[in-house]
């Protein structure tokens, strides 16, 4: 069965989390899927020092725990430092390793030792075949499952290109390969001190990944992406998520 992960880029408010969670519950019931709720308590790799980062670990985990208890959704969030793994693992079902950090051994080992699922995003400077080594670090350190995620490669400045052959290559390493359909349409640093993007290409990214064998799909969604505090230009409009998921199942 396909894996689906969706939610706002970063925790902005309890109201936003509730609005997105309620919609995910509706889609799950209607389509018979199990979308995992994703939001970050901290975005440690924003382009500018002045960019919004989030609510922090303690408050963020409490807010995510509230989502799980209220809506019954599984949870996914990013961790950026090794010490965050243990407390996050008490609440979060899928610990996500950001692409820039996918070779950080201590971070991978700490995430795996929680016994949770670890989703490792492929760095923008690595090939699919290179992900054998981060995968082995997490598997050998005790992760329940290890997923690998494609999110594009950097060829030059301010743009990403997806080589969909990476999906087939990573399926030789891990049984679960996720396509990050929204980060793959980013324009890193291309919007005057913040990241731009082209959300209109998100559905096509998902379909192309499906053709190459992807069995997981990641979407950052927001009720009003143009007012989002992080990753707005590449986020999918929340009301458009159902149709995209339906096209994949």
C-alpha atoms as a PDB file:
ATOM      1  CA  UNK A   1       0.000   0.000   0.000  1.00  0.00           C
ATOM      2  CA  UNK A   2       1.273   3.468  -0.865  1.00  0.00           C
ATOM      3  CA  UNK A   3       2.543   5.689   1.938  1.00  0.00           C
ATOM      4  CA  UNK A   4       1.276   9.272   2.068  1.00  0.00           C
ATOM      5  CA  UNK A   5       2.668  12.113   4.179  1.00  0.00           C
ATOM      6  CA  UNK A   6       1.119  15.580   4.161  1.00  0.00           C
ATOM      7  CA  UNK A   7       0.857  18.716   6.252  1.00  0.00           C
ATOM      8  CA  UNK A   8       2.108  22.287   6.580  1.00  0.00           C
ATOM      9  CA  UNK A   9       5.817  22.959   6.240  1.00  0.00           C
ATOM     10  CA  UNK A  10       6.120  24.366   9.747  1.00  0.00           C
ATOM     11  CA  UNK A  11       3.898  24.693  12.811  1.00  0.00           C
ATOM     12  CA  UNK A  12       2.360  28.140  12.629  1.00  0.00           C
ATOM     13  CA  UNK A  13      -0.599  27.791  15.030  1.00  0.00           C
ATOM     14  CA  UNK A  14      -2.870  25.201  16.632  1.00  0.00           C
ATOM     15  CA  UNK A  15      -5.666  26.452  14.385  1.00  0.00           C
ATOM     16  CA  UNK A  16      -3.665  25.664  11.246  1.00  0.00           C
ATOM     17  CA  UNK A  17      -2.793  22.180  12.498  1.00  0.00           C
ATOM     18  CA  UNK A  18      -6.442  21.458  13.280  1.00  0.00           C
ATOM     19  CA  UNK A  19      -7.660  22.673   9.902  1.00  0.00           C
ATOM     20  CA  UNK A  20      -5.170  20.534   7.992  1.00  0.00           C
ATOM     21  CA  UNK A  21      -5.654  17.497  10.245  1.00  0.00           C
ATOM     22  CA  UNK A  22      -9.431  17.620   9.841  1.00  0.00           C
ATOM     23  CA  UNK A  23      -9.065  17.593   6.061  1.00  0.00           C
ATOM     24  CA  UNK A  24      -6.611  14.692   6.149  1.00  0.00           C
ATOM     25  CA  UNK A  25      -9.054  12.665   8.242  1.00  0.00           C
ATOM     26  CA  UNK A  26     -11.759  13.324   5.643  1.00  0.00           C
ATOM     27  CA  UNK A  27      -9.489  12.248   2.771  1.00  0.00           C
ATOM     28  CA  UNK A  28      -8.383   9.126   4.632  1.00  0.00           C
ATOM     29  CA  UNK A  29     -11.980   8.079   5.190  1.00  0.00           C
ATOM     30  CA  UNK A  30     -13.096   8.852   1.647  1.00  0.00           C
ATOM     31  CA  UNK A  31     -10.166   7.256  -0.211  1.00  0.00           C
ATOM     32  CA  UNK A  32      -9.271   4.476   2.215  1.00  0.00           C
ATOM     33  CA  UNK A  33      -5.717   5.743   2.709  1.00  0.00           C
ATOM     34  CA  UNK A  34      -3.675   6.538   5.820  1.00  0.00           C
ATOM     35  CA  UNK A  35      -2.091   9.950   5.328  1.00  0.00           C
ATOM     36  CA  UNK A  36       0.534  10.691   7.975  1.00  0.00           C
ATOM     37  CA  UNK A  37       0.393  14.249   9.349  1.00  0.00           C
ATOM     38  CA  UNK A  38       3.631  16.220   8.904  1.00  0.00           C
ATOM     39  CA  UNK A  39       4.707  19.543  10.358  1.00  0.00           C
ATOM     40  CA  UNK A  40       8.084  20.806  11.575  1.00  0.00           C
ATOM     41  CA  UNK A  41       8.626  22.265  15.051  1.00  0.00           C
ATOM     42  CA  UNK A  42      11.776  23.967  13.748  1.00  0.00           C
ATOM     43  CA  UNK A  43      13.086  24.780  10.285  1.00  0.00           C
ATOM     44  CA  UNK A  44      16.789  25.027  11.019  1.00  0.00           C
ATOM     45  CA  UNK A  45      17.904  25.542   7.411  1.00  0.00           C
ATOM     46  CA  UNK A  46      15.924  28.614   6.357  1.00  0.00           C
ATOM     47  CA  UNK A  47      17.607  30.854   3.790  1.00  0.00           C
ATOM     48  CA  UNK A  48      17.651  34.006   5.939  1.00  0.00           C
ATOM     49  CA  UNK A  49      18.263  34.640   9.633  1.00  0.00           C
ATOM     50  CA  UNK A  50      15.026  36.645   9.693  1.00  0.00           C
ATOM     51  CA  UNK A  51      12.901  33.775   8.322  1.00  0.00           C
ATOM     52  CA  UNK A  52      10.309  32.147  10.591  1.00  0.00           C
ATOM     53  CA  UNK A  53      11.601  28.885  12.063  1.00  0.00           C
ATOM     54  CA  UNK A  54       8.783  27.486  14.185  1.00  0.00           C
ATOM     55  CA  UNK A  55       7.647  27.093  17.784  1.00  0.00           C
ATOM     56  CA  UNK A  56      10.551  25.003  19.102  1.00  0.00           C
ATOM     57  CA  UNK A  57      10.910  21.410  20.261  1.00  0.00           C
ATOM     58  CA  UNK A  58       8.932  21.332  23.506  1.00  0.00           C
ATOM     59  CA  UNK A  59       5.935  23.359  22.360  1.00  0.00           C
ATOM     60  CA  UNK A  60       6.004  21.750  18.926  1.00  0.00           C
ATOM     61  CA  UNK A  61       5.935  18.186  20.220  1.00  0.00           C
ATOM     62  CA  UNK A  62       3.062  19.055  22.532  1.00  0.00           C
ATOM     63  CA  UNK A  63       1.088  20.565  19.658  1.00  0.00           C
ATOM     64  CA  UNK A  64       1.763  17.543  17.473  1.00  0.00           C
ATOM     65  CA  UNK A  65       0.789  15.212  20.309  1.00  0.00           C
ATOM     66  CA  UNK A  66      -2.488  17.130  20.567  1.00  0.00           C
ATOM     67  CA  UNK A  67      -3.102  16.469  16.857  1.00  0.00           C
ATOM     68  CA  UNK A  68      -2.513  12.752  17.340  1.00  0.00           C
ATOM     69  CA  UNK A  69      -4.838  12.551  20.340  1.00  0.00           C
ATOM     70  CA  UNK A  70      -7.598  14.661  18.790  1.00  0.00           C
ATOM     71  CA  UNK A  71      -7.552  13.340  15.226  1.00  0.00           C
ATOM     72  CA  UNK A  72      -5.969   9.889  15.497  1.00  0.00           C
ATOM     73  CA  UNK A  73      -3.363  10.612  12.842  1.00  0.00           C
ATOM     74  CA  UNK A  74       0.163   9.240  12.751  1.00  0.00           C
ATOM     75  CA  UNK A  75       2.851  11.928  12.863  1.00  0.00           C
ATOM     76  CA  UNK A  76       6.008  12.889  10.978  1.00  0.00           C
ATOM     77  CA  UNK A  77       8.454  15.681  11.776  1.00  0.00           C
ATOM     78  CA  UNK A  78      12.028  16.728  10.991  1.00  0.00           C
ATOM     79  CA  UNK A  79      14.881  16.519  13.449  1.00  0.00           C
ATOM     80  CA  UNK A  80      18.094  18.447  12.873  1.00  0.00           C
ATOM     81  CA  UNK A  81      20.265  17.501  15.848  1.00  0.00           C
ATOM     82  CA  UNK A  82      20.983  14.185  17.559  1.00  0.00           C
ATOM     83  CA  UNK A  83      19.650  15.257  20.960  1.00  0.00           C
ATOM     84  CA  UNK A  84      16.208  15.920  19.433  1.00  0.00           C
ATOM     85  CA  UNK A  85      15.708  12.275  18.442  1.00  0.00           C
ATOM     86  CA  UNK A  86      14.840  10.781  21.843  1.00  0.00           C
ATOM     87  CA  UNK A  87      12.158  13.295  22.868  1.00  0.00           C
ATOM     88  CA  UNK A  88      10.719  13.396  19.348  1.00  0.00           C
ATOM     89  CA  UNK A  89      10.624   9.607  19.249  1.00  0.00           C
ATOM     90  CA  UNK A  90       8.305   9.550  22.258  1.00  0.00           C
ATOM     91  CA  UNK A  91       5.604  11.291  20.195  1.00  0.00           C
ATOM     92  CA  UNK A  92       6.450  10.973  16.495  1.00  0.00           C
ATOM     93  CA  UNK A  93       5.863   7.892  14.336  1.00  0.00           C
ATOM     94  CA  UNK A  94       8.183   8.860  11.447  1.00  0.00           C
ATOM     95  CA  UNK A  95      11.370  10.786  12.177  1.00  0.00           C
ATOM     96  CA  UNK A  96      12.487  12.635   9.068  1.00  0.00           C
ATOM     97  CA  UNK A  97      16.109  13.444   8.278  1.00  0.00           C
ATOM     98  CA  UNK A  98      16.463  16.624   6.179  1.00  0.00           C
ATOM     99  CA  UNK A  99      18.268  16.262   2.872  1.00  0.00           C
ATOM    100  CA  UNK A 100      21.223  18.460   3.817  1.00  0.00           C
ATOM    101  CA  UNK A 101      21.820  16.235   6.862  1.00  0.00           C
ATOM    102  CA  UNK A 102      21.379  12.773   5.380  1.00  0.00           C
ATOM    103  CA  UNK A 103      25.068  11.864   5.812  1.00  0.00           C
ATOM    104  CA  UNK A 104      25.251  12.949   9.470  1.00  0.00           C
ATOM    105  CA  UNK A 105      26.044   9.649  11.175  1.00  0.00           C
ATOM    106  CA  UNK A 106      25.227  10.694  14.740  1.00  0.00           C
ATOM    107  CA  UNK A 107      21.839  12.073  13.653  1.00  0.00           C
ATOM    108  CA  UNK A 108      20.931   8.904  11.740  1.00  0.00           C
ATOM    109  CA  UNK A 109      22.021   6.631  14.584  1.00  0.00           C
ATOM    110  CA  UNK A 110      20.112   8.642  17.184  1.00  0.00           C
ATOM    111  CA  UNK A 111      16.943   8.599  15.076  1.00  0.00           C
ATOM    112  CA  UNK A 112      17.237   4.855  14.465  1.00  0.00           C
ATOM    113  CA  UNK A 113      17.807   4.062  18.144  1.00  0.00           C
ATOM    114  CA  UNK A 114      14.322   5.385  18.941  1.00  0.00           C
ATOM    115  CA  UNK A 115      12.925   2.341  17.134  1.00  0.00           C
ATOM    116  CA  UNK A 116      10.704   4.586  15.034  1.00  0.00           C
ATOM    117  CA  UNK A 117      10.431   4.700  11.253  1.00  0.00           C
ATOM    118  CA  UNK A 118      13.201   6.878   9.815  1.00  0.00           C
ATOM    119  CA  UNK A 119      12.591   8.726   6.547  1.00  0.00           C
ATOM    120  CA  UNK A 120      15.867   9.898   5.008  1.00  0.00           C
ATOM    121  CA  UNK A 121      15.648  12.566   2.340  1.00  0.00           C
ATOM    122  CA  UNK A 122      18.243  12.265  -0.410  1.00  0.00           C
ATOM    123  CA  UNK A 123      20.618  15.208  -0.467  1.00  0.00           C
ATOM    124  CA  UNK A 124      20.526  17.528  -3.450  1.00  0.00           C
ATOM    125  CA  UNK A 125      24.153  16.563  -4.139  1.00  0.00           C
ATOM    126  CA  UNK A 126      23.792  12.752  -4.003  1.00  0.00           C
ATOM    127  CA  UNK A 127      22.636  10.081  -6.427  1.00  0.00           C
ATOM    128  CA  UNK A 128      20.054   7.457  -5.595  1.00  0.00           C
ATOM    129  CA  UNK A 129      22.790   4.822  -5.401  1.00  0.00           C
ATOM    130  CA  UNK A 130      24.651   6.925  -2.813  1.00  0.00           C
ATOM    131  CA  UNK A 131      21.734   6.481  -0.398  1.00  0.00           C
ATOM    132  CA  UNK A 132      22.868   2.917   0.323  1.00  0.00           C
ATOM    133  CA  UNK A 133      25.146   4.234   3.046  1.00  0.00           C
ATOM    134  CA  UNK A 134      22.716   6.442   5.000  1.00  0.00           C
ATOM    135  CA  UNK A 135      20.209   3.586   4.735  1.00  0.00           C
ATOM    136  CA  UNK A 136      22.682   1.096   6.189  1.00  0.00           C
ATOM    137  CA  UNK A 137      23.553   3.455   9.059  1.00  0.00           C
ATOM    138  CA  UNK A 138      19.897   3.647  10.097  1.00  0.00           C
ATOM    139  CA  UNK A 139      19.078  -0.044   9.574  1.00  0.00           C
ATOM    140  CA  UNK A 140      22.119  -1.219  11.524  1.00  0.00           C
ATOM    141  CA  UNK A 141      21.247   1.175  14.372  1.00  0.00           C
ATOM    142  CA  UNK A 142      17.780  -0.286  14.979  1.00  0.00           C
ATOM    143  CA  UNK A 143      15.210   1.697  12.994  1.00  0.00           C
ATOM    144  CA  UNK A 144      11.825  -0.015  12.686  1.00  0.00           C
ATOM    145  CA  UNK A 145      11.754   0.847   8.975  1.00  0.00           C
ATOM    146  CA  UNK A 146      13.878   3.088   6.796  1.00  0.00           C
ATOM    147  CA  UNK A 147      12.348   5.024   3.920  1.00  0.00           C
ATOM    148  CA  UNK A 148      14.268   6.961   1.279  1.00  0.00           C
ATOM    149  CA  UNK A 149      12.896  10.142  -0.256  1.00  0.00           C
ATOM    150  CA  UNK A 150      13.655  11.743  -3.611  1.00  0.00           C
ATOM    151  CA  UNK A 151      13.523  15.559  -3.667  1.00  0.00           C
ATOM    152  CA  UNK A 152      15.595  16.620  -6.664  1.00  0.00           C
ATOM    153  CA  UNK A 153      19.202  17.528  -7.359  1.00  0.00           C
ATOM    154  CA  UNK A 154      20.924  20.867  -7.665  1.00  0.00           C
ATOM    155  CA  UNK A 155      22.461  21.520 -11.072  1.00  0.00           C
ATOM    156  CA  UNK A 156      23.627  25.094 -10.861  1.00  0.00           C
ATOM    157  CA  UNK A 157      21.987  27.853  -8.867  1.00  0.00           C
ATOM    158  CA  UNK A 158      18.411  28.461  -7.630  1.00  0.00           C
ATOM    159  CA  UNK A 159      16.854  25.434  -9.254  1.00  0.00           C
ATOM    160  CA  UNK A 160      16.267  21.718  -8.748  1.00  0.00           C
ATOM    161  CA  UNK A 161      16.018  18.984 -11.344  1.00  0.00           C
ATOM    162  CA  UNK A 162      14.496  15.572 -10.630  1.00  0.00           C
ATOM    163  CA  UNK A 163      16.228  12.571 -12.149  1.00  0.00           C
ATOM    164  CA  UNK A 164      13.491   9.982 -11.742  1.00  0.00           C
ATOM    165  CA  UNK A 165      15.972   7.162 -12.280  1.00  0.00           C
ATOM    166  CA  UNK A 166      16.962   7.779  -8.657  1.00  0.00           C
ATOM    167  CA  UNK A 167      13.637   6.263  -7.586  1.00  0.00           C
ATOM    168  CA  UNK A 168      14.402   2.984  -9.325  1.00  0.00           C
ATOM    169  CA  UNK A 169      17.917   3.009  -7.907  1.00  0.00           C
ATOM    170  CA  UNK A 170      16.694   3.612  -4.348  1.00  0.00           C
ATOM    171  CA  UNK A 171      14.101   0.836  -4.654  1.00  0.00           C
ATOM    172  CA  UNK A 172      17.063  -1.531  -4.940  1.00  0.00           C
ATOM    173  CA  UNK A 173      18.119  -0.304  -1.482  1.00  0.00           C
ATOM    174  CA  UNK A 174      14.861   0.253   0.401  1.00  0.00           C
ATOM    175  CA  UNK A 175      11.404  -1.267  -0.086  1.00  0.00           C
ATOM    176  CA  UNK A 176       9.862   2.173   0.487  1.00  0.00           C
ATOM    177  CA  UNK A 177      10.806   5.113  -1.734  1.00  0.00           C
ATOM    178  CA  UNK A 178       8.909   8.346  -1.281  1.00  0.00           C
ATOM    179  CA  UNK A 179       8.594  11.170  -3.791  1.00  0.00           C
ATOM    180  CA  UNK A 180       8.683  14.600  -2.186  1.00  0.00           C
ATOM    181  CA  UNK A 181       6.355  16.190  -4.697  1.00  0.00           C
ATOM    182  CA  UNK A 182       6.475  19.705  -3.261  1.00  0.00           C
ATOM    183  CA  UNK A 183      10.116  20.258  -2.290  1.00  0.00           C
ATOM    184  CA  UNK A 184      11.104  18.979  -5.730  1.00  0.00           C
ATOM    185  CA  UNK A 185       9.495  22.057  -7.320  1.00  0.00           C
ATOM    186  CA  UNK A 186      11.396  24.499  -5.108  1.00  0.00           C
ATOM    187  CA  UNK A 187      13.555  27.304  -6.452  1.00  0.00           C
ATOM    188  CA  UNK A 188      16.086  27.458  -3.580  1.00  0.00           C
ATOM    189  CA  UNK A 189      17.039  30.986  -2.567  1.00  0.00           C
ATOM    190  CA  UNK A 190      15.415  32.385  -5.699  1.00  0.00           C
ATOM    191  CA  UNK A 191      12.875  34.716  -4.099  1.00  0.00           C
ATOM    192  CA  UNK A 192      14.935  37.475  -2.531  1.00  0.00           C
ATOM    193  CA  UNK A 193      16.289  35.839   0.616  1.00  0.00           C
ATOM    194  CA  UNK A 194      13.783  32.992   0.645  1.00  0.00           C
ATOM    195  CA  UNK A 195      12.924  29.969  -1.446  1.00  0.00           C
ATOM    196  CA  UNK A 196      10.593  30.201  -4.421  1.00  0.00           C
ATOM    197  CA  UNK A 197       8.803  27.414  -6.224  1.00  0.00           C
ATOM    198  CA  UNK A 198       6.310  26.252  -8.853  1.00  0.00           C
ATOM    199  CA  UNK A 199       3.419  24.455  -7.161  1.00  0.00           C
ATOM    200  CA  UNK A 200       1.601  23.992 -10.475  1.00  0.00           C
ATOM    201  CA  UNK A 201       3.991  21.138 -11.279  1.00  0.00           C
ATOM    202  CA  UNK A 202       3.257  19.130  -8.107  1.00  0.00           C
ATOM    203  CA  UNK A 203       0.605  16.777  -9.613  1.00  0.00           C
ATOM    204  CA  UNK A 204       2.871  15.984 -12.566  1.00  0.00           C
ATOM    205  CA  UNK A 205       5.799  15.266 -10.244  1.00  0.00           C
ATOM    206  CA  UNK A 206       3.624  12.748  -8.403  1.00  0.00           C
ATOM    207  CA  UNK A 207       2.525  11.010 -11.594  1.00  0.00           C
ATOM    208  CA  UNK A 208       6.052  10.840 -12.986  1.00  0.00           C
ATOM    209  CA  UNK A 209       7.276   9.323  -9.718  1.00  0.00           C
ATOM    210  CA  UNK A 210       4.476   6.761  -9.855  1.00  0.00           C
ATOM    211  CA  UNK A 211       5.594   5.757 -13.340  1.00  0.00           C
ATOM    212  CA  UNK A 212       9.085   5.102 -11.978  1.00  0.00           C
ATOM    213  CA  UNK A 213       7.785   2.905  -9.150  1.00  0.00           C
ATOM    214  CA  UNK A 214       7.539   5.247  -6.166  1.00  0.00           C
ATOM    215  CA  UNK A 215       5.348   3.828  -3.391  1.00  0.00           C
ATOM    216  CA  UNK A 216       5.232   6.849  -1.142  1.00  0.00           C
ATOM    217  CA  UNK A 217       4.302  10.491  -1.678  1.00  0.00           C
ATOM    218  CA  UNK A 218       5.063  13.570   0.406  1.00  0.00           C
ATOM    219  CA  UNK A 219       3.107  16.812   0.083  1.00  0.00           C
ATOM    220  CA  UNK A 220       3.407  20.028   2.029  1.00  0.00           C
ATOM    221  CA  UNK A 221      -0.056  21.592   2.073  1.00  0.00           C
ATOM    222  CA  UNK A 222      -1.611  24.780   3.405  1.00  0.00           C
ATOM    223  CA  UNK A 223      -5.100  26.353   3.278  1.00  0.00           C
ATOM    224  CA  UNK A 224      -3.540  29.553   1.889  1.00  0.00           C
ATOM    225  CA  UNK A 225      -0.010  28.840   0.616  1.00  0.00           C
ATOM    226  CA  UNK A 226       0.615  32.441  -0.407  1.00  0.00           C
ATOM    227  CA  UNK A 227       0.337  33.443   3.267  1.00  0.00           C
ATOM    228  CA  UNK A 228       2.343  30.497   4.640  1.00  0.00           C
ATOM    229  CA  UNK A 229       5.321  31.325   6.844  1.00  0.00           C
ATOM    230  CA  UNK A 230       7.599  28.816   5.104  1.00  0.00           C
ATOM    231  CA  UNK A 231       7.744  27.194   1.644  1.00  0.00           C
ATOM    232  CA  UNK A 232       4.564  28.864   0.411  1.00  0.00           C
ATOM    233  CA  UNK A 233       5.477  28.983  -3.312  1.00  0.00           C
ATOM    234  CA  UNK A 234       5.979  25.224  -3.550  1.00  0.00           C
ATOM    235  CA  UNK A 235       3.187  24.089  -1.188  1.00  0.00           C
ATOM    236  CA  UNK A 236       0.026  22.508  -2.529  1.00  0.00           C
ATOM    237  CA  UNK A 237      -3.300  24.170  -1.818  1.00  0.00           C
ATOM    238  CA  UNK A 238      -5.022  22.049   0.852  1.00  0.00           C
ATOM    239  CA  UNK A 239      -8.230  21.814  -1.177  1.00  0.00           C
ATOM    240  CA  UNK A 240      -6.281  20.299  -4.097  1.00  0.00           C
ATOM    241  CA  UNK A 241      -4.774  17.438  -2.091  1.00  0.00           C
ATOM    242  CA  UNK A 242      -7.687  15.008  -2.384  1.00  0.00           C
ATOM    243  CA  UNK A 243      -7.663  14.985  -6.179  1.00  0.00           C
ATOM    244  CA  UNK A 244      -3.907  14.411  -6.322  1.00  0.00           C
ATOM    245  CA  UNK A 245      -4.042  11.548  -3.810  1.00  0.00           C
ATOM    246  CA  UNK A 246      -7.021  10.025  -5.628  1.00  0.00           C
ATOM    247  CA  UNK A 247      -5.026  10.037  -8.872  1.00  0.00           C
ATOM    248  CA  UNK A 248      -2.323   7.974  -7.156  1.00  0.00           C
ATOM    249  CA  UNK A 249      -4.587   5.276  -5.673  1.00  0.00           C
END
